[in-house]
Protein backbone atom coordinates (compact mmCIF):
# COMPACT_ATOMS: atom_id res chain seq x y z
CA MET A 1 106.15 121.22 129.02
CA LEU A 2 102.98 119.68 127.63
CA LEU A 3 100.26 121.84 126.14
CA GLY A 4 97.88 118.90 126.28
CA GLN A 5 97.31 115.20 125.67
CA LEU A 6 95.06 112.94 123.61
CA GLU A 7 93.65 110.37 126.02
CA GLU A 8 92.08 107.18 124.62
CA LEU A 9 90.35 109.11 121.81
CA SER A 10 87.88 107.14 119.66
CA VAL A 11 85.53 108.11 116.84
CA MET A 12 82.83 105.83 115.45
CA TYR A 13 80.15 106.47 112.83
CA GLY A 14 77.53 103.81 113.42
CA ASP A 15 79.30 100.46 113.04
CA VAL A 16 82.35 102.03 111.37
CA THR A 17 85.35 102.79 113.59
CA ILE A 18 87.51 105.63 112.25
CA PHE A 19 90.15 105.32 114.98
CA GLU A 20 90.10 103.78 118.43
CA ARG A 21 91.72 104.71 121.75
CA VAL A 22 94.48 106.88 120.31
CA SER A 23 96.75 108.67 122.79
CA ALA A 24 99.58 111.15 122.24
CA ASP A 25 101.35 114.09 123.88
CA ILE A 26 101.14 117.64 122.51
CA PRO A 27 104.33 119.40 123.66
CA GLU A 28 104.28 123.18 123.97
CA GLY A 29 105.90 124.79 120.91
CA ALA A 30 106.11 121.53 118.90
CA VAL A 31 105.46 121.29 115.17
CA ILE A 32 103.66 117.99 114.65
CA ALA A 33 103.04 116.59 111.16
CA LEU A 34 99.95 114.37 111.06
CA VAL A 35 100.31 111.87 108.20
CA GLY A 36 98.42 108.82 106.98
CA PRO A 37 96.45 107.55 103.98
CA ASN A 38 93.30 109.26 102.73
CA GLY A 39 90.31 108.22 104.81
CA ALA A 40 92.38 107.32 107.89
CA GLY A 41 90.68 110.06 109.89
CA LYS A 42 93.25 112.89 109.93
CA SER A 43 90.69 115.69 109.44
CA THR A 44 88.37 113.90 111.86
CA LEU A 45 91.10 113.92 114.53
CA MET A 46 91.82 117.61 113.85
CA GLU A 47 88.14 118.45 114.40
CA ARG A 48 88.21 116.73 117.81
CA ILE A 49 91.41 118.51 118.85
CA ALA A 50 89.91 121.84 117.70
CA GLY A 51 86.81 121.09 119.77
CA SER A 52 84.44 121.63 116.86
CA ARG A 53 83.10 118.07 117.29
CA GLU A 54 83.07 115.65 120.22
CA PRO A 55 84.77 112.22 120.13
CA SER A 56 82.77 109.05 120.63
CA SER A 57 84.89 108.37 123.71
CA GLY A 58 88.06 109.63 125.35
CA GLN A 59 89.10 113.26 125.63
CA VAL A 60 91.64 115.94 124.81
CA ARG A 61 93.05 117.03 128.18
CA TRP A 62 94.68 120.48 128.33
CA ASN A 63 97.39 121.53 130.77
CA GLY A 64 95.51 124.31 132.54
CA LYS A 65 92.77 126.22 130.76
CA ARG A 66 91.92 125.47 127.15
CA PRO A 67 94.39 127.28 124.83
CA SER A 68 93.34 129.64 122.05
CA VAL A 69 92.94 127.58 118.87
CA THR A 70 92.99 128.47 115.17
CA TYR A 71 91.67 125.73 112.89
CA PHE A 72 92.57 126.09 109.21
CA ARG A 73 90.46 123.63 107.20
CA GLN A 74 91.39 122.06 103.84
CA GLU A 75 88.96 123.72 101.45
CA GLU A 76 86.17 126.12 102.28
CA ALA A 77 83.69 127.62 99.84
CA SER A 78 82.82 130.26 102.47
CA PRO A 79 85.89 130.65 104.69
CA ASP A 80 85.20 131.69 108.28
CA LEU A 81 88.73 133.01 108.94
CA LEU A 82 88.52 136.13 106.80
CA ASP A 83 87.61 139.46 108.37
CA GLY A 84 88.76 143.06 108.25
CA ALA A 85 90.64 143.26 111.55
CA ALA A 86 93.80 145.36 111.59
CA ASP A 87 96.10 142.44 112.38
CA VAL A 88 94.64 140.44 109.48
CA LEU A 89 95.15 143.36 107.07
CA ALA A 90 98.75 143.73 108.26
CA GLU A 91 99.38 140.03 107.74
CA ARG A 92 97.86 140.24 104.22
CA LYS A 93 100.43 142.89 103.31
CA ARG A 94 103.27 140.70 104.58
CA TRP A 95 102.01 138.03 102.17
CA ARG A 96 102.10 140.71 99.39
CA LEU A 97 98.31 140.75 99.10
CA SER A 98 96.63 144.10 98.49
CA GLU A 99 93.33 144.98 100.14
CA GLU A 100 91.74 144.87 96.67
CA VAL A 101 92.27 141.11 96.24
CA ALA A 102 88.77 139.63 96.63
CA TYR A 103 88.32 136.01 97.72
CA ASN A 104 85.64 135.19 95.15
CA THR A 105 87.75 136.31 92.17
CA ALA A 106 91.19 135.26 93.50
CA SER A 107 93.20 132.35 92.09
CA GLY A 108 93.59 129.13 94.08
CA GLY A 109 96.97 130.26 95.39
CA GLU A 110 95.73 133.76 96.25
CA ARG A 111 92.78 132.27 98.15
CA MET A 112 95.13 130.06 100.12
CA LYS A 113 97.32 133.08 100.96
CA LEU A 114 94.25 135.07 102.07
CA ARG A 115 93.15 132.29 104.40
CA LEU A 116 96.65 131.62 105.73
CA SER A 117 97.31 135.30 106.39
CA ALA A 118 94.07 135.48 108.39
CA ALA A 119 94.83 132.27 110.31
CA LEU A 120 98.41 133.20 111.23
CA ALA A 121 97.47 136.76 112.19
CA LYS A 122 95.50 135.38 115.15
CA GLN A 123 98.71 134.06 116.81
CA SER A 124 96.83 131.38 118.75
CA ARG A 125 98.69 129.08 121.15
CA LEU A 126 97.56 126.06 119.09
CA VAL A 127 97.35 126.28 115.30
CA LEU A 128 95.79 123.40 113.35
CA LEU A 129 96.61 123.51 109.63
CA ASP A 130 94.88 121.01 107.36
CA GLU A 131 96.71 120.91 103.99
CA PRO A 132 98.03 124.51 104.13
CA THR A 133 100.46 124.12 101.20
CA ASN A 134 97.94 123.29 98.48
CA HIS A 135 98.17 125.84 95.61
CA LEU A 136 101.06 127.79 97.22
CA ASP A 137 103.89 128.96 95.00
CA ARG A 138 107.48 128.58 96.18
CA GLU A 139 107.80 132.08 97.54
CA ALA A 140 104.64 131.67 99.61
CA MET A 141 105.77 128.20 100.73
CA ASP A 142 109.08 129.62 101.96
CA ARG A 143 107.22 132.38 103.79
CA LEU A 144 104.92 129.86 105.50
CA ILE A 145 107.91 127.75 106.53
CA GLY A 146 109.66 130.82 107.94
CA GLN A 147 106.59 131.88 109.93
CA ILE A 148 106.10 128.43 111.43
CA ARG A 149 109.79 128.20 112.40
CA LYS A 150 109.87 131.54 114.20
CA SER A 151 106.42 131.23 115.81
CA ARG A 152 106.01 130.35 119.48
CA SER A 153 102.71 128.60 118.76
CA THR A 154 102.22 124.86 118.79
CA PHE A 155 101.35 123.50 115.33
CA ILE A 156 99.59 120.30 114.25
CA ILE A 157 99.77 120.11 110.47
CA VAL A 158 98.17 117.69 108.03
CA SER A 159 100.29 117.71 104.88
CA HIS A 160 101.33 115.33 102.15
CA ASP A 161 104.13 117.63 100.98
CA ARG A 162 107.36 115.78 101.81
CA HIS A 163 109.60 118.80 101.28
CA PHE A 164 107.43 120.95 103.57
CA ILE A 165 107.29 118.39 106.40
CA ASP A 166 111.05 117.92 106.23
CA ARG A 167 111.60 121.63 106.77
CA VAL A 168 109.15 122.33 109.62
CA ALA A 169 108.26 119.21 111.60
CA ASP A 170 110.06 118.08 114.75
CA ARG A 171 107.78 115.06 115.26
CA VAL A 172 105.33 112.98 113.21
CA TRP A 173 102.03 111.38 114.14
CA GLU A 174 101.05 108.54 111.81
CA LEU A 175 97.34 107.73 111.81
CA ASP A 176 96.65 104.44 110.04
CA HIS A 177 94.40 101.41 110.50
CA GLY A 178 92.64 103.06 113.43
CA SER A 179 95.74 103.65 115.56
CA LEU A 180 98.23 106.49 116.08
CA THR A 181 102.01 106.07 116.27
CA GLU A 182 104.44 108.83 117.30
CA TYR A 183 107.85 109.36 115.67
CA GLY A 184 110.57 111.89 116.48
CA GLY A 185 112.02 114.10 113.76
CA ASN A 186 110.85 115.22 110.33
CA TYR A 187 109.46 113.26 107.38
CA THR A 188 112.80 111.74 106.34
CA ASP A 189 113.47 110.66 109.94
CA TYR A 190 109.97 109.16 110.13
CA ARG A 191 110.44 107.16 106.91
CA ILE A 192 113.80 105.80 108.08
CA GLN A 193 112.32 104.73 111.43
CA LYS A 194 109.22 103.25 109.82
CA GLU A 195 111.17 101.29 107.23
CA ALA A 196 113.51 99.95 109.93
CA GLU A 197 110.52 98.91 112.06
CA HIS A 198 108.84 97.29 109.06
CA ALA A 199 112.02 95.37 108.18
CA ALA A 200 112.42 94.16 111.77
CA HIS A 201 108.72 93.20 111.94
CA GLN A 202 108.97 91.36 108.63
CA LYS A 203 112.04 89.44 109.86
CA ARG A 204 110.30 88.38 113.11
CA TYR A 205 107.22 87.34 111.15
CA GLU A 206 109.28 85.27 108.70
CA GLN A 207 111.15 83.56 111.57
CA GLN A 208 107.82 82.77 113.20
CA GLN A 209 106.39 81.40 109.96
CA LYS A 210 109.44 79.17 109.52
CA LYS A 211 108.84 77.76 113.01
CA VAL A 212 105.12 77.30 112.27
CA ALA A 213 106.04 75.46 109.06
CA ARG A 214 108.59 73.31 110.91
CA VAL A 215 106.08 72.38 113.64
CA GLY A 216 103.50 71.79 110.93
CA GLU A 217 105.81 69.24 109.29
CA GLN A 218 106.33 67.54 112.65
CA LEU A 219 102.57 67.43 113.25
CA LYS A 220 102.04 65.98 109.79
CA GLN A 221 104.63 63.30 110.43
CA LEU A 222 103.08 62.45 113.79
CA SER A 223 99.64 62.39 112.18
CA ASP A 224 100.90 60.02 109.47
CA TRP A 225 102.36 57.71 112.15
CA SER A 226 99.11 57.86 114.13
CA ASP A 227 97.05 56.99 111.06
CA LYS A 228 99.37 54.09 110.33
CA ALA A 229 99.11 52.84 113.93
CA HIS A 230 95.31 53.00 113.75
CA ARG A 231 95.33 51.04 110.49
CA GLU A 232 97.74 48.46 111.94
CA SER A 233 95.57 48.02 115.06
CA ALA A 234 92.55 47.28 112.88
CA LYS A 235 94.56 44.98 110.59
CA LYS A 236 96.24 43.01 113.42
CA GLY A 237 93.03 42.59 115.34
CA GLU A 238 92.36 39.22 113.66
CA GLY A 239 95.88 37.87 114.16
CA ARG A 240 98.25 37.44 117.11
CA MET A 241 96.85 38.07 120.62
CA GLY A 242 97.83 41.54 122.00
CA ALA A 243 98.81 43.02 118.61
CA LYS A 244 95.63 45.07 118.35
CA GLU A 245 96.12 46.53 121.81
CA TYR A 246 99.77 47.33 121.06
CA TYR A 247 98.94 49.36 117.94
CA ARG A 248 95.95 50.99 119.65
CA VAL A 249 98.17 52.23 122.51
CA LYS A 250 100.80 53.35 120.01
CA ALA A 251 98.19 55.35 118.04
CA LYS A 252 96.84 56.90 121.22
CA LYS A 253 100.35 58.09 122.23
CA LYS A 254 100.81 59.71 118.82
CA ASP A 255 97.45 61.48 119.15
CA ILE A 256 98.46 62.82 122.58
CA GLN A 257 101.78 64.05 121.15
CA ILE A 258 99.98 65.82 118.31
CA ARG A 259 97.52 67.57 120.67
CA SER A 260 100.31 68.53 123.07
CA LYS A 261 102.57 69.98 120.35
CA ARG A 262 99.66 71.85 118.75
CA LYS A 263 98.61 73.36 122.10
CA ARG A 264 102.16 74.50 122.82
CA LEU A 265 102.38 76.19 119.43
CA GLU A 266 98.98 77.87 119.87
CA ALA A 267 99.94 79.10 123.37
CA GLU A 268 103.26 80.43 122.07
CA LEU A 269 101.56 82.25 119.19
CA GLU A 270 98.93 83.71 121.52
CA LYS A 271 101.63 84.99 123.91
CA ASP A 272 104.38 86.13 121.51
CA GLY A 273 102.79 85.80 118.08
CA VAL A 274 103.80 88.26 115.36
CA GLU A 275 101.02 89.49 113.08
CA LYS A 276 101.75 89.69 109.39
CA PRO A 277 103.08 93.20 108.63
CA VAL A 278 100.45 95.42 107.05
CA GLU A 279 101.59 96.57 103.64
CA GLU A 280 101.41 100.31 103.01
CA ALA A 281 98.50 101.58 100.96
CA SER A 282 99.12 101.10 97.27
CA VAL A 283 97.10 102.42 94.37
CA THR A 284 97.42 102.12 90.63
CA PHE A 285 96.43 104.82 88.15
CA ASP A 286 95.91 103.00 84.87
CA VAL A 287 96.21 106.07 82.67
CA LYS A 288 96.18 105.30 78.97
CA GLY A 289 96.90 107.71 76.14
CA GLY A 290 99.27 107.60 73.26
CA ARG A 291 97.28 107.87 70.04
CA ARG A 292 99.50 110.22 68.07
CA LYS A 293 97.56 112.87 66.15
CA GLY A 294 100.58 114.66 64.66
CA MET A 295 103.73 116.24 65.96
CA ARG A 296 102.08 119.46 67.17
CA VAL A 297 99.44 119.39 69.90
CA PHE A 298 99.07 123.12 70.65
CA GLU A 299 100.61 126.20 69.12
CA LEU A 300 100.30 129.73 70.56
CA ARG A 301 100.75 132.62 68.13
CA GLY A 302 100.98 136.05 69.74
CA VAL A 303 98.61 135.17 72.59
CA SER A 304 97.84 137.77 75.27
CA LYS A 305 95.50 137.76 78.26
CA SER A 306 94.34 140.63 80.46
CA TYR A 307 91.66 141.23 83.08
CA GLY A 308 90.83 144.91 82.91
CA LYS A 309 94.06 146.84 83.50
CA ARG A 310 95.85 143.73 84.79
CA THR A 311 97.89 141.90 82.13
CA LEU A 312 98.77 138.29 82.89
CA PHE A 313 100.94 137.78 79.80
CA ARG A 314 101.30 139.15 76.30
CA ASP A 315 102.59 137.98 72.90
CA ALA A 316 103.19 134.40 74.06
CA ARG A 317 104.56 132.22 71.25
CA PHE A 318 105.42 128.55 71.67
CA THR A 319 104.52 125.06 70.45
CA VAL A 320 103.62 121.99 72.50
CA LEU A 321 104.73 118.79 70.78
CA SER A 322 103.26 115.31 71.10
CA GLY A 323 104.72 113.40 74.04
CA GLU A 324 106.24 116.45 75.75
CA ARG A 325 106.15 116.83 79.54
CA LEU A 326 105.98 120.49 80.47
CA ALA A 327 105.84 121.92 84.00
CA LEU A 328 104.21 125.34 84.30
CA LEU A 329 106.33 127.47 86.63
CA GLY A 330 105.36 130.85 88.03
CA PRO A 331 103.95 132.58 91.11
CA ASN A 332 100.31 132.42 92.17
CA GLY A 333 98.12 134.59 89.97
CA SER A 334 100.52 134.56 87.00
CA GLY A 335 97.98 132.82 84.73
CA LYS A 336 98.73 129.06 84.84
CA THR A 337 95.12 128.01 85.44
CA THR A 338 93.98 130.63 82.93
CA LEU A 339 96.24 129.11 80.26
CA PHE A 340 94.67 125.69 80.84
CA ARG A 341 91.20 127.20 80.30
CA MET A 342 92.44 128.92 77.14
CA LEU A 343 93.85 125.65 75.78
CA LEU A 344 90.42 124.09 76.35
CA GLY A 345 88.70 126.96 74.52
CA GLU A 346 86.94 128.10 77.70
CA GLU A 347 88.62 131.50 78.10
CA PRO A 348 88.63 134.42 75.62
CA HIS A 349 92.03 135.85 74.66
CA GLU A 350 93.93 137.85 72.09
CA GLY A 351 96.01 136.05 69.46
CA GLU A 352 95.58 132.54 68.09
CA ILE A 353 95.74 129.10 69.75
CA TRP A 354 95.94 126.21 67.27
CA ARG A 355 94.86 122.75 68.43
CA THR A 356 95.29 119.43 66.66
CA GLU A 357 91.97 117.87 65.70
CA GLY A 358 90.63 114.64 67.11
CA MET A 359 92.68 114.49 70.32
CA THR A 360 91.11 113.79 73.70
CA ILE A 361 92.08 115.89 76.72
CA GLY A 362 91.88 114.85 80.35
CA VAL A 363 91.63 117.77 82.80
CA LEU A 364 92.13 117.79 86.55
CA SER A 365 91.29 121.17 88.09
CA GLN A 366 92.36 122.48 91.50
CA SER A 367 88.99 122.33 93.21
CA VAL A 368 87.39 119.16 94.52
CA LEU A 369 84.26 120.99 95.65
CA ASP A 370 82.43 120.72 92.33
CA LEU A 371 81.32 117.09 92.64
CA PRO A 372 77.64 116.12 93.14
CA LEU A 373 78.20 115.48 96.85
CA GLU A 374 74.87 113.77 97.55
CA THR A 375 75.42 111.24 94.75
CA THR A 376 76.82 107.84 95.71
CA MET A 377 79.90 106.31 94.12
CA GLY A 378 77.72 103.66 92.51
CA ASP A 379 75.49 106.25 90.84
CA TYR A 380 78.36 108.54 89.86
CA PHE A 381 80.22 105.69 88.12
CA SER A 382 77.31 103.96 86.41
CA ALA A 383 78.12 101.37 83.75
CA ALA A 384 75.98 99.97 80.94
CA THR A 385 76.94 96.29 81.21
CA TYR A 386 77.82 93.82 83.95
CA GLU A 387 81.36 93.47 82.53
CA GLN A 388 81.89 97.24 82.55
CA GLN A 389 80.59 97.40 86.12
CA GLY A 390 83.08 94.74 87.17
CA LYS A 391 85.96 96.61 85.54
CA LEU A 392 84.83 99.83 87.23
CA ARG A 393 84.94 98.18 90.64
CA THR A 394 88.38 96.76 89.91
CA ASP A 395 89.66 100.18 88.88
CA LEU A 396 88.18 101.76 92.01
CA SER A 397 89.82 99.04 94.07
CA ASN A 398 93.15 99.91 92.45
CA LEU A 399 92.58 103.49 93.56
CA GLY A 400 92.30 102.32 97.17
CA PHE A 401 88.48 102.21 97.44
CA THR A 402 86.71 99.32 99.15
CA ALA A 403 83.22 97.88 98.76
CA LYS A 404 81.84 100.16 101.51
CA HIS A 405 82.74 103.26 99.45
CA TRP A 406 80.44 102.13 96.63
CA THR A 407 77.29 103.07 98.58
CA LEU A 408 78.66 106.19 100.28
CA PRO A 409 77.64 109.69 99.15
CA LEU A 410 80.62 111.62 97.79
CA SER A 411 80.16 114.11 100.65
CA GLN A 412 81.37 111.45 103.09
CA LEU A 413 84.68 110.94 101.28
CA SER A 414 87.85 112.67 102.39
CA MET A 415 89.29 115.42 100.18
CA GLY A 416 91.94 113.03 98.91
CA GLU A 417 89.33 110.40 98.08
CA ARG A 418 87.27 112.99 96.21
CA LEU A 419 90.34 113.87 94.15
CA LYS A 420 90.77 110.19 93.26
CA VAL A 421 87.13 110.16 92.13
CA LYS A 422 87.91 113.01 89.74
CA LEU A 423 91.05 111.24 88.54
CA MET A 424 88.91 108.20 87.82
CA ARG A 425 87.00 110.17 85.21
CA PHE A 426 89.90 110.29 82.79
CA ILE A 427 91.37 106.97 83.93
CA LEU A 428 88.32 105.46 82.29
CA GLU A 429 88.69 107.45 79.11
CA GLY A 430 92.08 106.81 77.43
CA THR A 431 93.36 110.31 76.80
CA ASP A 432 95.97 111.85 74.51
CA VAL A 433 96.72 114.98 76.55
CA LEU A 434 96.57 115.53 80.31
CA LEU A 435 96.23 119.02 81.76
CA LEU A 436 96.86 118.74 85.51
CA ASP A 437 96.34 121.75 87.75
CA GLU A 438 97.89 120.92 91.15
CA PRO A 439 97.26 117.16 90.71
CA THR A 440 98.83 116.16 94.04
CA ASN A 441 96.66 118.40 96.22
CA HIS A 442 94.89 116.25 98.85
CA LEU A 443 96.60 113.03 97.69
CA ASP A 444 98.23 111.04 100.48
CA LEU A 445 101.88 110.08 100.20
CA PRO A 446 101.41 106.55 98.76
CA ALA A 447 99.00 107.97 96.16
CA ARG A 448 101.43 110.77 95.23
CA GLU A 449 104.26 108.32 94.74
CA GLU A 450 102.06 105.97 92.70
CA LEU A 451 100.83 108.88 90.57
CA GLU A 452 104.47 109.85 89.91
CA ARG A 453 105.31 106.30 88.82
CA THR A 454 102.25 105.99 86.58
CA LEU A 455 102.58 109.37 84.91
CA GLY A 456 106.22 108.49 84.36
CA THR A 457 105.04 105.81 81.92
CA PHE A 458 102.20 107.88 80.39
CA PRO A 459 102.89 107.94 76.62
CA GLY A 460 100.80 111.02 75.84
CA THR A 461 101.39 114.76 76.27
CA LEU A 462 101.53 116.12 79.80
CA LEU A 463 101.18 119.74 80.95
CA PHE A 464 101.00 120.30 84.68
CA ALA A 465 101.20 123.02 87.31
CA SER A 466 102.38 121.81 90.71
CA HIS A 467 104.08 123.32 93.73
CA ASP A 468 105.24 119.85 94.86
CA ARG A 469 108.98 120.00 94.10
CA TYR A 470 109.46 116.25 94.27
CA PHE A 471 106.63 115.71 91.80
CA THR A 472 107.75 118.47 89.40
CA GLU A 473 111.41 117.49 89.29
CA LYS A 474 110.55 113.83 88.75
CA LEU A 475 108.14 114.30 85.83
CA ALA A 476 109.03 117.44 83.87
CA ASP A 477 111.42 117.32 80.92
CA ASP A 478 111.01 121.00 80.00
CA ILE A 479 109.21 124.04 81.39
CA LEU A 480 106.81 126.87 80.59
CA VAL A 481 107.91 129.89 82.63
CA PHE A 482 105.35 132.58 83.52
CA GLY A 483 107.01 135.93 84.20
CA GLU A 484 108.32 139.18 82.80
CA GLY A 485 104.92 139.76 81.19
CA THR A 486 104.86 136.66 78.98
CA ILE A 487 105.18 132.85 78.81
CA ARG A 488 108.45 131.30 77.65
CA LYS A 489 109.09 127.67 76.75
CA LEU A 490 112.56 126.63 77.94
CA LEU A 491 114.18 123.31 77.07
CA MET A 492 115.57 122.60 80.52
CA ALA A 493 114.55 120.69 83.64
CA PRO A 494 113.02 122.58 86.61
CA ALA A 495 116.10 121.97 88.77
CA GLU A 496 118.35 123.44 86.07
CA TRP A 497 116.13 126.51 85.82
CA GLU A 498 116.16 127.01 89.61
CA GLU A 499 119.96 126.77 89.66
CA LYS A 500 120.22 129.27 86.81
CA ARG A 501 117.90 131.70 88.61
CA SER A 502 119.84 131.28 91.84
CA ARG A 503 123.14 132.04 90.09
CA ALA A 504 121.62 135.11 88.44
CA ALA A 505 120.19 136.34 91.75
CA HIS A 506 123.54 135.76 93.45
CA GLY A 507 125.25 137.74 90.70
CA ARG A 508 122.83 140.64 91.20
CA ASP A 509 123.33 140.49 94.96
CA GLU A 510 127.11 140.50 94.53
CA LYS A 511 126.89 143.54 92.26
CA THR A 512 124.66 145.33 94.78
CA LEU A 513 127.05 144.52 97.64
CA ALA A 514 130.03 145.78 95.64
CA GLU A 515 128.23 149.05 94.88
CA GLU A 516 127.27 149.47 98.55
CA HIS A 517 130.87 148.76 99.63
CA LEU A 518 132.17 151.45 97.24
CA ARG A 519 129.62 153.97 98.56
CA LEU A 520 130.58 153.31 102.18
CA GLU A 521 134.29 153.53 101.42
CA THR A 522 133.79 156.84 99.57
CA GLU A 523 131.84 158.35 102.45
CA CYS A 524 134.33 157.00 104.96
CA GLN A 525 137.23 158.65 103.14
CA ALA A 526 135.32 161.94 102.97
CA VAL A 527 134.60 161.86 106.72
CA LEU A 528 138.22 160.97 107.46
CA GLY A 529 139.37 163.91 105.30
CA LYS A 530 137.21 166.34 107.30
CA LEU A 531 138.39 164.89 110.63
CA SER A 532 142.02 165.45 109.61
CA LEU A 533 141.35 169.20 109.43
CA LEU A 534 139.73 169.39 112.91
CA LEU A 535 140.91 169.14 116.51
CA PRO A 536 139.15 166.92 119.15
CA GLY A 537 137.63 169.97 120.81
CA ASP A 538 136.09 171.39 117.65
CA LYS A 539 132.28 171.55 117.40
CA GLU A 540 131.85 169.05 114.51
CA TYR A 541 134.57 166.64 115.61
CA ALA A 542 132.43 164.36 117.86
CA ALA A 543 129.67 163.90 115.27
CA LEU A 544 132.17 163.16 112.47
CA ASP A 545 134.12 160.76 114.68
CA ARG A 546 130.91 158.90 115.58
CA ARG A 547 129.95 158.68 111.89
CA PHE A 548 133.44 157.40 111.02
CA MET A 549 133.05 154.58 113.58
CA GLU A 550 129.59 153.72 112.20
CA LEU A 551 130.89 153.56 108.64
CA THR A 552 133.87 151.36 109.51
CA GLY A 553 131.48 149.00 111.36
CA GLU A 554 129.13 148.83 108.35
CA ILE A 555 132.08 148.17 106.01
CA ARG A 556 133.31 145.35 108.26
CA GLN A 557 129.84 143.73 108.36
CA LEU A 558 129.52 144.05 104.59
CA GLU A 559 132.89 142.39 104.04
CA GLU A 560 131.92 139.50 106.36
CA ARG A 561 128.64 139.10 104.48
CA ARG A 562 130.46 138.93 101.13
CA LYS A 563 132.78 136.26 102.53
CA ASP A 564 129.80 134.18 103.73
CA GLU A 565 128.12 134.36 100.33
């Protein structure tokens, strides 16, 4: 059953068309992933579906009365979802958030959990989530995935997290170049279908171009013959009678053949012509770096950090070496962003942090709300000379920006485009060390993949915190683990650490199950011993017999569980 439909939806800002006449079904209970490059209009489409803004033309038609809608926006300085209702407070607790966690002082991940708990507590028929996974740790991500899977609501989700889309989506809407295309399945299914379509399109286009080239050769040959006939008619005009007319007629026939063949080709291309396949968005992050300033970059000596009675970590001792790639792993609120501020000398702490002198540090923070939003791109990236201005425009072009962006205020850029603007700041500055706090937040999929490739060749030192598993596993050589009251540097890849943790957890679970099995068996034997001394008519016999049956059932379930694990 359909919850609703998009019918010929268009949005224009002045002369700029964001998307035009897009149509799609919204099935009841579906989980739809809305994907596409930054600036394609994903958030714009979500606003129209939510009803917070009207389209330029077309409509969203609902099956029956308009459903209840919850709209979770990307980033909000003053979120409108938070309130003190009982259902919201109950949902906060399920996300392991106490009532004392205040939005203004919470970490990026804690803020996201606060907003998500409020949004999901409403249990609307239609839930619109715009980048809900930004800043979430793995535990929170798994919880969000579980809630979406068991919910009866219909979800439309904008996300660039490939792992997340794979686990929740049952269909994909791709919004690109002003049009919307529907695909069945999750992200992997969508990519397989899209690549197959692109390959088939490319093959048809190449076959067409071969035919165009072949007809072009024929036209050239006919044109050469026609030119020759025209020259011969002029040359023979002074000689034998009738020769001029013969070559004139011959040239005319060739001209008619040329026009006829060209018209047939044009008609065929107009009817069945194949447009050149549009290449997917591609960006290049020309990150420099690599001036070695010594083997050590940072060294922490007995470093501790607390906020009042809350201790983030204590007595942390480790060294960051030049050229290392370290992923910061730990739950939201464990101090990853705080450590970055401490490394920059912006956060007081106990203990000593040694830094090598003379190095340059590029920093990308979580928030993209701290830009001068009324400033244009041209003013924000001013250059002293004409040559520097030209290079700036080339670099911006490599980041996916076009000439029209140059005069736009930063407020009119998408969240992903604003993040690229911030990235541009240290792209222009060749840096020795990059501190990246959730660098893939708001980046579209092509930009994420390009960032992975570029940072893979970055010769400097890289420390990053990211909840994007693909990104983390591809880039990190070693890890900084936040937990157990401190920070530990471990010389192992993230995947190896996760496997080790999983084995340890499984071992603890197995021990717990074995202890529970022994307890049940002991009680069962005790109950059986009492039953053996009683007759069926005795007062305690029925209760003991019922308990014996319960215990044997619990033991059987426990044994089946141990077999499964």
